[in-house]
Amino acid sequence: MELYQLEYFAALCESRNYRKASERLMVTQPAVSIAIKKLEGELGGELVDRKKKSFTLTPMGKALQKRANLICNEIQYTHKEMSAILKRQQGIIQLALPCDVCPGLLEALMSEYVSKNPEVPLILSKKPHETIVDNLANQIIDIGVVGKDFVAPSWGSRDFKQVELYACFSPAHSFNQYEYITPRMLRDENLILSKDGNSLSNTVRKYLSYNNVQVNSPLYCEGDIPAADAVLLAQKGFGIAFIESELSNGHCRPLFPMLVLDLVITWRIGRTITPGIIELKKCLIDFILNLV
C-alpha cells in the first residue's frame, strides 16, 4: 500500500465521482481507477460497490475512508509543521488573521508595515479562528488575531480591538424598516452560526443568553463561515448573519444593546530558534496595536 493510493481513494470518497476526483488530483481518470483496484487487490476486497448506479462504498470502503482521511490529514499536517520549523530557522514570522473580522487589517499591514519594513521576512495569511488557534498550539504560526475566549492561559496576549457586529438579512426581510435590532427580535429567526462554535458564533450565543433569549431554530453550518458566504446566505433568505459593520451592504442593522467581539493578538510563549526574532515579533505586535 502506497501513500498516493490512499490520497486517490480519499479524493474519490470526497468527490464521489472518478472524473471529479481525477480533476482534483490533476491526474487521468484511469490513474485513479488503477490506484483503487490496486488497493482492493492488496486488501482482498472491494472498496466501491460497482453494482449500484450511485457512488457507494462497501463496508470495507467505509472503514478505509476513515483511515485514509486520518493518514492523509496527518501527512498534510506534518508537511505544514516541518515547513513552519524551517521558516522559524530562517527567521520568518508568520501572522494569521481571522477570515470573518477586521477585513481592513490585512490591507493595512500590506500597505504600511510591509512597505516600511521590507527587510522583515513576514508571511501574512487569512484563516478561520479555529485554524489559527490550532496552528498556534502546534507552533505552525507565530502570531494570531483571535477572539479573546479562544486564548489559552499559557499564551501571551494583548487586547487588540472590539469589533461591532451587525445583523445581516435579505432585502425582503421586515428588519429593513427598523433602525436597530433587539435580541428579542431574533427569537423566531434562523441564525447563521458555526456549528463547532468559533469566536464570532460563541459571542452571539453568549449575547443572546445574557439577554434571556432562546433561539428556536438556529441554522448551523460546518466549520467557520467566511463573511462573504454568511452574507450571501442571509441575502438569499436563509437566516440572519452576523458580520462586522465594515462589511455591511445596506441590508444590515446594528443591535441594541451593542453586540461586540473582543479580539486579541496572541502568541505561543516558547523557545525561539532564530536570534532577534523575538524583538521583530514585539515590533510587529506594537505596529498592529497602533493601527487601532
Protein backbone atom coordinates (compact mmCIF):
# COMPACT_ATOMS: atom_id res chain seq x y z
CA MET A 1 0.00 0.00 0.00
CA GLU A 2 1.41 3.36 -1.05
CA LEU A 3 0.52 6.82 0.19
CA TYR A 4 -0.67 8.08 -3.20
CA GLN A 5 -3.21 5.25 -3.34
CA LEU A 6 -4.76 6.43 -0.07
CA GLU A 7 -4.72 10.03 -1.33
CA TYR A 8 -6.53 8.95 -4.51
CA PHE A 9 -9.04 6.95 -2.50
CA ALA A 10 -9.70 9.83 -0.08
CA ALA A 11 -10.21 12.21 -3.02
CA LEU A 12 -12.58 9.74 -4.67
CA CYS A 13 -14.63 9.39 -1.47
CA GLU A 14 -14.93 13.14 -1.15
CA SER A 15 -15.73 13.74 -4.82
CA ARG A 16 -17.94 10.63 -5.13
CA ASN A 17 -17.03 10.58 -8.80
CA TYR A 18 -13.95 9.27 -10.65
CA ARG A 19 -13.84 12.16 -13.12
CA LYS A 20 -14.11 14.84 -10.42
CA ALA A 21 -11.50 13.05 -8.32
CA SER A 22 -9.08 12.91 -11.25
CA GLU A 23 -9.58 16.63 -11.93
CA ARG A 24 -8.98 17.45 -8.30
CA LEU A 25 -5.83 15.31 -8.21
CA MET A 26 -4.75 16.57 -11.64
CA VAL A 27 -4.24 13.03 -12.94
CA THR A 28 -6.04 10.95 -15.52
CA GLN A 29 -9.21 9.09 -14.65
CA PRO A 30 -7.63 5.68 -15.41
CA ALA A 31 -4.87 6.51 -12.90
CA VAL A 32 -7.48 6.86 -10.16
CA SER A 33 -9.20 3.62 -11.20
CA ILE A 34 -5.91 1.68 -11.24
CA ALA A 35 -4.94 3.01 -7.79
CA ILE A 36 -8.30 1.92 -6.33
CA LYS A 37 -8.05 -1.53 -7.93
CA LYS A 38 -4.53 -1.99 -6.54
CA LEU A 39 -5.82 -1.13 -3.07
CA GLU A 40 -8.63 -3.63 -3.44
CA GLY A 41 -6.15 -6.26 -4.59
CA GLU A 42 -3.90 -5.68 -1.59
CA LEU A 43 -6.77 -5.61 0.90
CA GLY A 44 -8.56 -8.58 -0.63
CA GLY A 45 -11.98 -7.00 -1.11
CA GLU A 46 -13.93 -4.34 -2.97
CA LEU A 47 -13.95 -0.79 -1.67
CA VAL A 48 -16.57 0.59 -4.06
CA ASP A 49 -19.88 -1.16 -4.73
CA ARG A 50 -19.92 -1.16 -8.52
CA LYS A 51 -23.31 -2.91 -8.70
CA LYS A 52 -25.09 0.26 -7.67
CA LYS A 53 -25.66 3.20 -10.00
CA SER A 54 -24.71 5.89 -7.49
CA PHE A 55 -21.31 6.02 -5.82
CA THR A 56 -21.47 3.72 -2.79
CA LEU A 57 -18.72 2.42 -0.54
CA THR A 58 -18.69 -1.13 0.72
CA PRO A 59 -18.28 -1.73 4.48
CA MET A 60 -14.55 -2.18 3.86
CA GLY A 61 -14.52 1.03 1.84
CA LYS A 62 -16.18 2.99 4.65
CA ALA A 63 -13.65 1.68 7.15
CA LEU A 64 -10.73 2.55 4.87
CA GLN A 65 -12.14 6.01 4.20
CA LYS A 66 -11.78 6.90 7.87
CA ARG A 67 -8.23 5.54 7.97
CA ALA A 68 -7.26 7.20 4.69
CA ASN A 69 -8.55 10.59 5.87
CA LEU A 70 -6.64 10.29 9.13
CA ILE A 71 -3.41 9.32 7.37
CA CYS A 72 -3.69 11.97 4.65
CA ASN A 73 -4.53 14.67 7.19
CA GLU A 74 -1.59 13.63 9.33
CA ILE A 75 0.77 13.71 6.35
CA GLN A 76 -0.52 17.14 5.33
CA TYR A 77 -0.17 18.42 8.86
CA THR A 78 3.35 17.02 9.11
CA HIS A 79 4.33 18.93 5.97
CA LYS A 80 2.95 22.15 7.48
CA GLU A 81 4.73 21.56 10.77
CA MET A 82 8.08 20.86 9.12
CA SER A 83 7.61 23.91 6.90
CA ALA A 84 6.91 26.04 9.98
CA ILE A 85 10.08 24.80 11.69
CA LEU A 86 12.10 25.61 8.58
CA LYS A 87 10.59 29.11 8.44
CA ARG A 88 11.44 29.70 12.11
CA GLN A 89 15.00 28.59 11.43
CA GLN A 90 15.12 31.11 8.60
CA GLY A 91 13.72 33.84 10.84
CA ILE A 92 10.40 34.14 9.00
CA ILE A 93 7.45 35.49 11.04
CA GLN A 94 4.03 34.03 10.24
CA LEU A 95 0.99 36.10 11.15
CA ALA A 96 -2.59 34.83 10.68
CA LEU A 97 -5.75 36.95 10.76
CA PRO A 98 -9.35 35.73 11.10
CA CYS A 99 -11.40 35.49 7.91
CA ASP A 100 -14.61 36.99 9.23
CA VAL A 101 -13.48 40.09 11.11
CA CYS A 102 -11.15 43.12 10.74
CA PRO A 103 -11.04 42.90 6.92
CA GLY A 104 -9.00 46.08 6.64
CA LEU A 105 -6.16 44.86 8.84
CA LEU A 106 -4.51 42.71 6.16
CA GLU A 107 -4.58 45.58 3.67
CA ALA A 108 -3.16 47.98 6.26
CA LEU A 109 -0.33 45.61 7.09
CA MET A 110 0.48 45.09 3.43
CA SER A 111 0.43 48.78 2.56
CA GLU A 112 2.11 50.16 5.69
CA TYR A 113 4.14 47.60 7.61
CA VAL A 114 5.49 45.60 4.66
CA SER A 115 6.35 48.70 2.66
CA LYS A 116 8.12 50.33 5.63
CA ASN A 117 9.87 47.15 6.76
CA PRO A 118 10.82 45.30 3.57
CA GLU A 119 13.76 43.65 5.33
CA VAL A 120 11.48 41.79 7.80
CA PRO A 121 10.62 38.29 6.50
CA LEU A 122 6.85 38.20 7.08
CA ILE A 123 4.14 35.86 5.81
CA LEU A 124 0.55 37.10 6.17
CA SER A 125 -2.49 34.86 5.81
CA LYS A 126 -6.23 34.79 6.50
CA LYS A 127 -7.56 31.73 8.29
CA PRO A 128 -10.59 30.67 10.35
CA HIS A 129 -10.39 31.24 14.12
CA GLU A 130 -10.17 27.51 14.86
CA THR A 131 -7.31 27.04 12.39
CA ILE A 132 -5.38 29.97 13.86
CA VAL A 133 -5.73 28.56 17.37
CA ASP A 134 -4.70 25.09 16.22
CA ASN A 135 -1.72 26.49 14.28
CA LEU A 136 -0.59 28.47 17.33
CA ALA A 137 -0.92 25.43 19.59
CA ASN A 138 1.28 23.43 17.21
CA GLN A 139 3.67 26.35 16.54
CA ILE A 140 2.89 26.41 12.84
CA ILE A 141 2.35 30.18 13.01
CA ASP A 142 3.95 32.75 15.32
CA ILE A 143 1.23 35.34 15.93
CA GLY A 144 -2.53 35.26 15.53
CA VAL A 145 -5.52 37.56 15.93
CA VAL A 146 -8.44 35.66 17.51
CA GLY A 147 -11.41 36.09 19.79
CA LYS A 148 -10.47 36.60 23.42
CA ASP A 149 -12.30 33.43 24.53
CA PHE A 150 -10.03 31.28 22.34
CA VAL A 151 -6.75 32.21 24.03
CA ALA A 152 -5.03 29.53 26.11
CA PRO A 153 -3.96 30.60 29.65
CA SER A 154 -0.31 29.80 28.91
CA TRP A 155 -0.13 32.03 25.81
CA GLY A 156 0.94 35.62 25.64
CA SER A 157 -1.75 38.06 24.53
CA ARG A 158 -2.64 41.74 24.30
CA ASP A 159 -6.07 43.28 23.80
CA PHE A 160 -6.46 44.40 20.20
CA LYS A 161 -9.89 45.86 19.48
CA GLN A 162 -13.63 45.45 19.86
CA VAL A 163 -15.47 44.68 16.63
CA GLU A 164 -19.12 45.68 16.42
CA LEU A 165 -21.26 43.02 14.76
CA TYR A 166 -24.32 43.87 12.66
CA ALA A 167 -27.32 41.67 11.88
CA CYS A 168 -27.46 40.99 8.14
CA PHE A 169 -30.65 39.80 6.36
CA SER A 170 -32.40 39.61 3.00
CA PRO A 171 -33.69 42.66 1.09
CA ALA A 172 -37.26 41.41 1.65
CA HIS A 173 -36.93 40.97 5.42
CA SER A 174 -39.12 43.08 7.71
CA PHE A 175 -35.99 44.07 9.66
CA ASN A 176 -35.24 46.62 6.93
CA GLN A 177 -37.81 49.02 8.43
CA TYR A 178 -36.02 49.25 11.76
CA GLU A 179 -33.02 51.36 12.77
CA TYR A 180 -31.62 48.64 15.03
CA ILE A 181 -32.34 45.03 16.02
CA THR A 182 -33.00 43.90 19.59
CA PRO A 183 -32.21 40.42 20.95
CA ARG A 184 -35.92 39.60 21.29
CA MET A 185 -36.47 40.27 17.59
CA LEU A 186 -34.11 37.37 16.84
CA ARG A 187 -36.14 34.85 18.86
CA ASP A 188 -38.00 33.32 15.89
CA GLU A 189 -35.24 33.73 13.32
CA ASN A 190 -32.80 31.27 11.78
CA LEU A 191 -29.33 32.34 12.82
CA ILE A 192 -26.38 31.52 10.56
CA LEU A 193 -23.77 30.32 13.04
CA SER A 194 -20.83 27.94 13.08
CA LYS A 195 -21.85 24.54 14.43
CA ASP A 196 -18.49 23.99 16.13
CA GLY A 197 -18.54 27.38 17.82
CA ASN A 198 -15.94 29.85 16.63
CA SER A 199 -15.31 33.16 18.39
CA LEU A 200 -17.99 35.01 16.45
CA SER A 201 -20.65 32.33 16.98
CA ASN A 202 -19.76 31.96 20.67
CA THR A 203 -20.08 35.72 21.09
CA VAL A 204 -23.56 35.71 19.51
CA ARG A 205 -24.70 32.83 21.71
CA LYS A 206 -23.43 34.48 24.90
CA TYR A 207 -25.05 37.76 23.86
CA LEU A 208 -28.45 36.12 23.40
CA SER A 209 -28.13 34.13 26.59
CA TYR A 210 -27.20 37.24 28.57
CA ASN A 211 -30.32 38.95 27.19
CA ASN A 212 -32.51 35.93 28.10
CA VAL A 213 -33.30 34.99 24.52
CA GLN A 214 -33.66 31.36 23.49
CA VAL A 215 -33.40 30.91 19.72
CA ASN A 216 -35.84 28.32 18.38
CA SER A 217 -34.30 27.49 15.02
CA PRO A 218 -30.60 28.24 14.55
CA LEU A 219 -29.08 27.37 11.17
CA TYR A 220 -25.76 25.70 11.94
CA CYS A 221 -23.01 25.42 9.35
CA GLU A 222 -19.98 23.13 9.46
CA GLY A 223 -16.71 24.85 10.38
CA ASP A 224 -16.02 28.57 10.15
CA ILE A 225 -18.22 30.50 7.74
CA PRO A 226 -16.44 33.13 5.63
CA ALA A 227 -18.14 36.51 5.97
CA ALA A 228 -18.94 36.64 2.25
CA ASP A 229 -20.70 33.25 2.43
CA ALA A 230 -22.66 34.25 5.54
CA VAL A 231 -23.82 37.47 3.84
CA LEU A 232 -24.83 35.53 0.72
CA LEU A 233 -26.90 33.06 2.76
CA ALA A 234 -28.56 35.93 4.60
CA GLN A 235 -29.33 37.83 1.40
CA LYS A 236 -30.99 34.72 -0.05
CA GLY A 237 -33.26 34.49 2.97
CA PHE A 238 -31.72 31.50 4.75
CA GLY A 239 -31.36 33.37 8.04
CA ILE A 240 -29.66 36.17 9.93
CA ALA A 241 -25.89 36.51 9.68
CA PHE A 242 -23.65 38.50 11.99
CA ILE A 243 -20.85 40.44 10.35
CA GLU A 244 -18.50 43.31 11.04
CA SER A 245 -20.05 46.71 10.37
CA GLU A 246 -17.42 47.41 7.67
CA LEU A 247 -18.90 44.59 5.59
CA SER A 248 -22.48 45.88 5.80
CA ASN A 249 -24.28 46.27 2.48
CA GLY A 250 -27.41 48.23 3.35
CA HIS A 251 -29.48 45.25 4.50
CA CYS A 252 -27.79 45.23 7.88
CA ARG A 253 -28.60 46.88 11.17
CA PRO A 254 -26.72 47.36 14.45
CA LEU A 255 -28.01 45.59 17.53
CA PHE A 256 -29.19 47.20 20.72
CA PRO A 257 -27.62 46.59 23.15
CA MET A 258 -24.48 46.61 21.02
CA LEU A 259 -23.05 43.23 20.01
CA VAL A 260 -19.25 43.26 20.06
CA LEU A 261 -16.50 40.70 19.56
CA ASP A 262 -13.34 41.16 21.65
CA LEU A 263 -10.19 40.47 19.64
CA VAL A 264 -6.69 39.91 20.98
CA ILE A 265 -3.26 39.45 19.49
CA THR A 266 -1.83 36.21 20.84
CA TRP A 267 1.30 34.11 20.53
CA ARG A 268 2.84 30.98 21.99
CA ILE A 269 5.48 31.57 24.63
CA GLY A 270 8.40 29.27 23.92
CA ARG A 271 11.93 28.91 22.66
CA THR A 272 12.73 30.89 19.52
CA ILE A 273 15.19 29.28 17.14
CA THR A 274 16.48 32.41 15.39
CA PRO A 275 18.17 35.14 17.49
CA GLY A 276 16.47 38.54 17.15
CA ILE A 277 13.11 37.13 16.07
CA ILE A 278 11.53 37.95 19.46
CA GLU A 279 12.27 41.65 19.02
CA LEU A 280 10.82 41.58 15.49
CA LYS A 281 7.63 39.99 16.83
CA LYS A 282 7.30 42.67 19.50
CA CYS A 283 7.74 45.42 16.93
CA LEU A 284 5.10 43.83 14.67
CA ILE A 285 2.62 43.48 17.55
CA ASP A 286 3.18 47.11 18.58
CA PHE A 287 2.63 48.23 15.00
CA ILE A 288 -0.71 46.36 14.79
CA LEU A 289 -1.89 47.81 18.11
CA ASN A 290 -1.05 51.32 16.94
CA LEU A 291 -3.28 50.86 13.88
CA VAL A 292 -6.40 50.89 16.07
